[in-house]
Amino acid sequence: MRKVVASADVSLDGVVTHPVRWSGDFWTEEVDRLNVDLLFGNDALLLGRGSPSRSPR
């Protein structure tokens, strides 16, 4: 059985877009590596309704 892994970068006030902009000094190369490992370390990638390929115009 496969497992579902959910990952989201959310600020304290609920901002989800562009985490590099609002995270400031806390966004390091280590965070980049962890996100890349999480993204490419899986068999499949499930994108939701708001994914860039299906964003509203």
N, C-alpha and C. Protein backbone atom coordinates (compact mmCIF):
# COMPACT_ATOMS: atom_id res chain seq x y z
N MET A 1 0.83 -1.18 0.00
CA MET A 1 0.00 0.00 0.00
C MET A 1 0.88 1.24 0.00
N ARG A 2 0.53 2.20 -0.81
CA ARG A 2 1.28 3.46 -0.88
C ARG A 2 0.79 4.42 0.20
N LYS A 3 1.62 5.39 0.49
CA LYS A 3 1.21 6.41 1.45
C LYS A 3 1.14 7.76 0.76
N VAL A 4 0.29 8.62 1.27
CA VAL A 4 0.14 9.97 0.75
C VAL A 4 0.93 10.91 1.65
N VAL A 5 1.77 11.73 1.03
CA VAL A 5 2.57 12.71 1.77
C VAL A 5 2.12 14.10 1.31
N ALA A 6 1.69 14.92 2.25
CA ALA A 6 1.26 16.29 1.93
C ALA A 6 2.29 17.27 2.48
N SER A 7 2.63 18.26 1.69
CA SER A 7 3.58 19.26 2.12
C SER A 7 3.09 20.64 1.69
N ALA A 8 3.12 21.59 2.61
CA ALA A 8 2.70 22.95 2.29
C ALA A 8 3.53 23.94 3.10
N ASP A 9 3.95 25.00 2.45
CA ASP A 9 4.66 26.09 3.12
C ASP A 9 3.65 27.21 3.33
N VAL A 10 3.27 27.44 4.57
CA VAL A 10 2.25 28.43 4.89
C VAL A 10 2.80 29.37 5.95
N SER A 11 2.61 30.67 5.76
CA SER A 11 3.05 31.64 6.77
C SER A 11 2.05 31.66 7.92
N LEU A 12 2.39 32.33 9.00
CA LEU A 12 1.51 32.40 10.17
C LEU A 12 0.20 33.11 9.88
N ASP A 13 0.19 34.00 8.90
CA ASP A 13 -1.06 34.69 8.56
C ASP A 13 -1.77 34.04 7.37
N GLY A 14 -1.36 32.84 7.00
CA GLY A 14 -2.07 32.07 5.98
C GLY A 14 -1.61 32.25 4.56
N VAL A 15 -0.53 32.97 4.31
CA VAL A 15 -0.04 33.16 2.94
C VAL A 15 0.61 31.86 2.46
N VAL A 16 0.20 31.42 1.29
CA VAL A 16 0.71 30.16 0.75
C VAL A 16 1.63 30.41 -0.45
N THR A 17 1.39 31.44 -1.22
CA THR A 17 2.15 31.68 -2.44
C THR A 17 3.52 32.27 -2.16
N HIS A 18 4.48 31.95 -2.98
CA HIS A 18 5.84 32.48 -2.96
C HIS A 18 6.49 32.45 -1.58
N PRO A 19 6.74 31.25 -1.04
CA PRO A 19 7.32 31.17 0.31
C PRO A 19 8.70 31.81 0.42
N VAL A 20 9.43 31.93 -0.68
CA VAL A 20 10.76 32.54 -0.61
C VAL A 20 10.63 34.02 -0.25
N ARG A 21 9.54 34.65 -0.67
CA ARG A 21 9.34 36.07 -0.39
C ARG A 21 9.05 36.33 1.09
N TRP A 22 8.18 35.51 1.71
CA TRP A 22 7.78 35.80 3.08
C TRP A 22 8.59 35.07 4.13
N SER A 23 9.42 34.13 3.75
CA SER A 23 10.18 33.38 4.76
C SER A 23 11.50 34.03 5.13
N GLY A 24 11.96 34.97 4.32
CA GLY A 24 13.17 35.72 4.64
C GLY A 24 14.40 34.86 4.86
N ASP A 25 15.09 35.09 5.97
CA ASP A 25 16.34 34.39 6.26
C ASP A 25 16.15 32.91 6.58
N PHE A 26 14.91 32.49 6.81
CA PHE A 26 14.67 31.10 7.17
C PHE A 26 14.68 30.17 5.96
N TRP A 27 14.58 30.72 4.76
CA TRP A 27 14.62 29.90 3.54
C TRP A 27 16.08 29.72 3.16
N THR A 28 16.61 28.54 3.44
CA THR A 28 18.03 28.27 3.21
C THR A 28 18.20 27.22 2.12
N GLU A 29 19.44 26.93 1.79
CA GLU A 29 19.71 25.87 0.82
C GLU A 29 19.25 24.52 1.36
N GLU A 30 19.31 24.34 2.67
CA GLU A 30 18.83 23.09 3.27
C GLU A 30 17.33 22.91 3.04
N VAL A 31 16.58 23.97 3.17
CA VAL A 31 15.14 23.92 2.90
C VAL A 31 14.90 23.58 1.44
N ASP A 32 15.66 24.20 0.54
CA ASP A 32 15.56 23.88 -0.88
C ASP A 32 15.81 22.40 -1.14
N ARG A 33 16.88 21.87 -0.54
CA ARG A 33 17.21 20.44 -0.72
C ARG A 33 16.08 19.55 -0.20
N LEU A 34 15.54 19.88 0.97
CA LEU A 34 14.46 19.08 1.53
C LEU A 34 13.23 19.09 0.62
N ASN A 35 12.90 20.26 0.07
CA ASN A 35 11.75 20.34 -0.83
C ASN A 35 11.98 19.57 -2.12
N VAL A 36 13.17 19.65 -2.67
CA VAL A 36 13.49 18.90 -3.89
C VAL A 36 13.44 17.40 -3.61
N ASP A 37 14.00 16.97 -2.49
CA ASP A 37 13.96 15.55 -2.13
C ASP A 37 12.52 15.07 -1.96
N LEU A 38 11.69 15.89 -1.35
CA LEU A 38 10.29 15.53 -1.15
C LEU A 38 9.55 15.44 -2.48
N LEU A 39 9.85 16.38 -3.38
CA LEU A 39 9.18 16.42 -4.68
C LEU A 39 9.57 15.25 -5.57
N PHE A 40 10.88 14.99 -5.69
CA PHE A 40 11.35 13.99 -6.63
C PHE A 40 11.60 12.62 -6.00
N GLY A 41 11.38 12.48 -4.71
CA GLY A 41 11.60 11.21 -4.04
C GLY A 41 10.38 10.32 -4.01
N ASN A 42 9.38 10.61 -4.83
CA ASN A 42 8.14 9.85 -4.84
C ASN A 42 7.88 9.25 -6.22
N ASP A 43 6.99 8.27 -6.25
CA ASP A 43 6.64 7.61 -7.51
C ASP A 43 5.69 8.45 -8.36
N ALA A 44 4.83 9.21 -7.70
CA ALA A 44 3.81 9.98 -8.42
C ALA A 44 3.65 11.33 -7.75
N LEU A 45 3.10 12.28 -8.51
CA LEU A 45 2.86 13.62 -8.01
C LEU A 45 1.40 13.95 -8.29
N LEU A 46 0.66 14.25 -7.25
CA LEU A 46 -0.76 14.59 -7.38
C LEU A 46 -0.91 16.09 -7.25
N LEU A 47 -1.41 16.73 -8.30
CA LEU A 47 -1.61 18.17 -8.29
C LEU A 47 -3.09 18.46 -8.10
N GLY A 48 -3.40 19.44 -7.31
CA GLY A 48 -4.79 19.80 -7.04
C GLY A 48 -5.37 20.70 -8.11
N ARG A 49 -6.56 21.19 -7.83
CA ARG A 49 -7.27 22.04 -8.79
C ARG A 49 -6.51 23.31 -9.12
N GLY A 50 -5.76 23.84 -8.17
CA GLY A 50 -5.08 25.11 -8.37
C GLY A 50 -3.68 24.97 -8.90
N SER A 51 -3.34 23.84 -9.49
CA SER A 51 -2.01 23.64 -10.01
C SER A 51 -1.75 24.58 -11.19
N PRO A 52 -0.49 24.93 -11.44
CA PRO A 52 -0.19 25.88 -12.52
C PRO A 52 -0.74 25.48 -13.89
N SER A 53 -0.84 24.18 -14.16
CA SER A 53 -1.32 23.75 -15.48
C SER A 53 -2.81 23.96 -15.65
N ARG A 54 -3.55 24.16 -14.55
CA ARG A 54 -5.00 24.32 -14.64
C ARG A 54 -5.48 25.58 -13.94
N SER A 55 -4.62 26.55 -13.76
CA SER A 55 -5.02 27.76 -13.04
C SER A 55 -6.05 28.55 -13.83
N PRO A 56 -6.96 29.22 -13.12
CA PRO A 56 -7.98 30.02 -13.84
C PRO A 56 -7.34 31.18 -14.60
N ARG A 57 -7.93 31.55 -15.66
CA ARG A 57 -7.40 32.63 -16.50
C ARG A 57 -8.03 33.95 -16.16
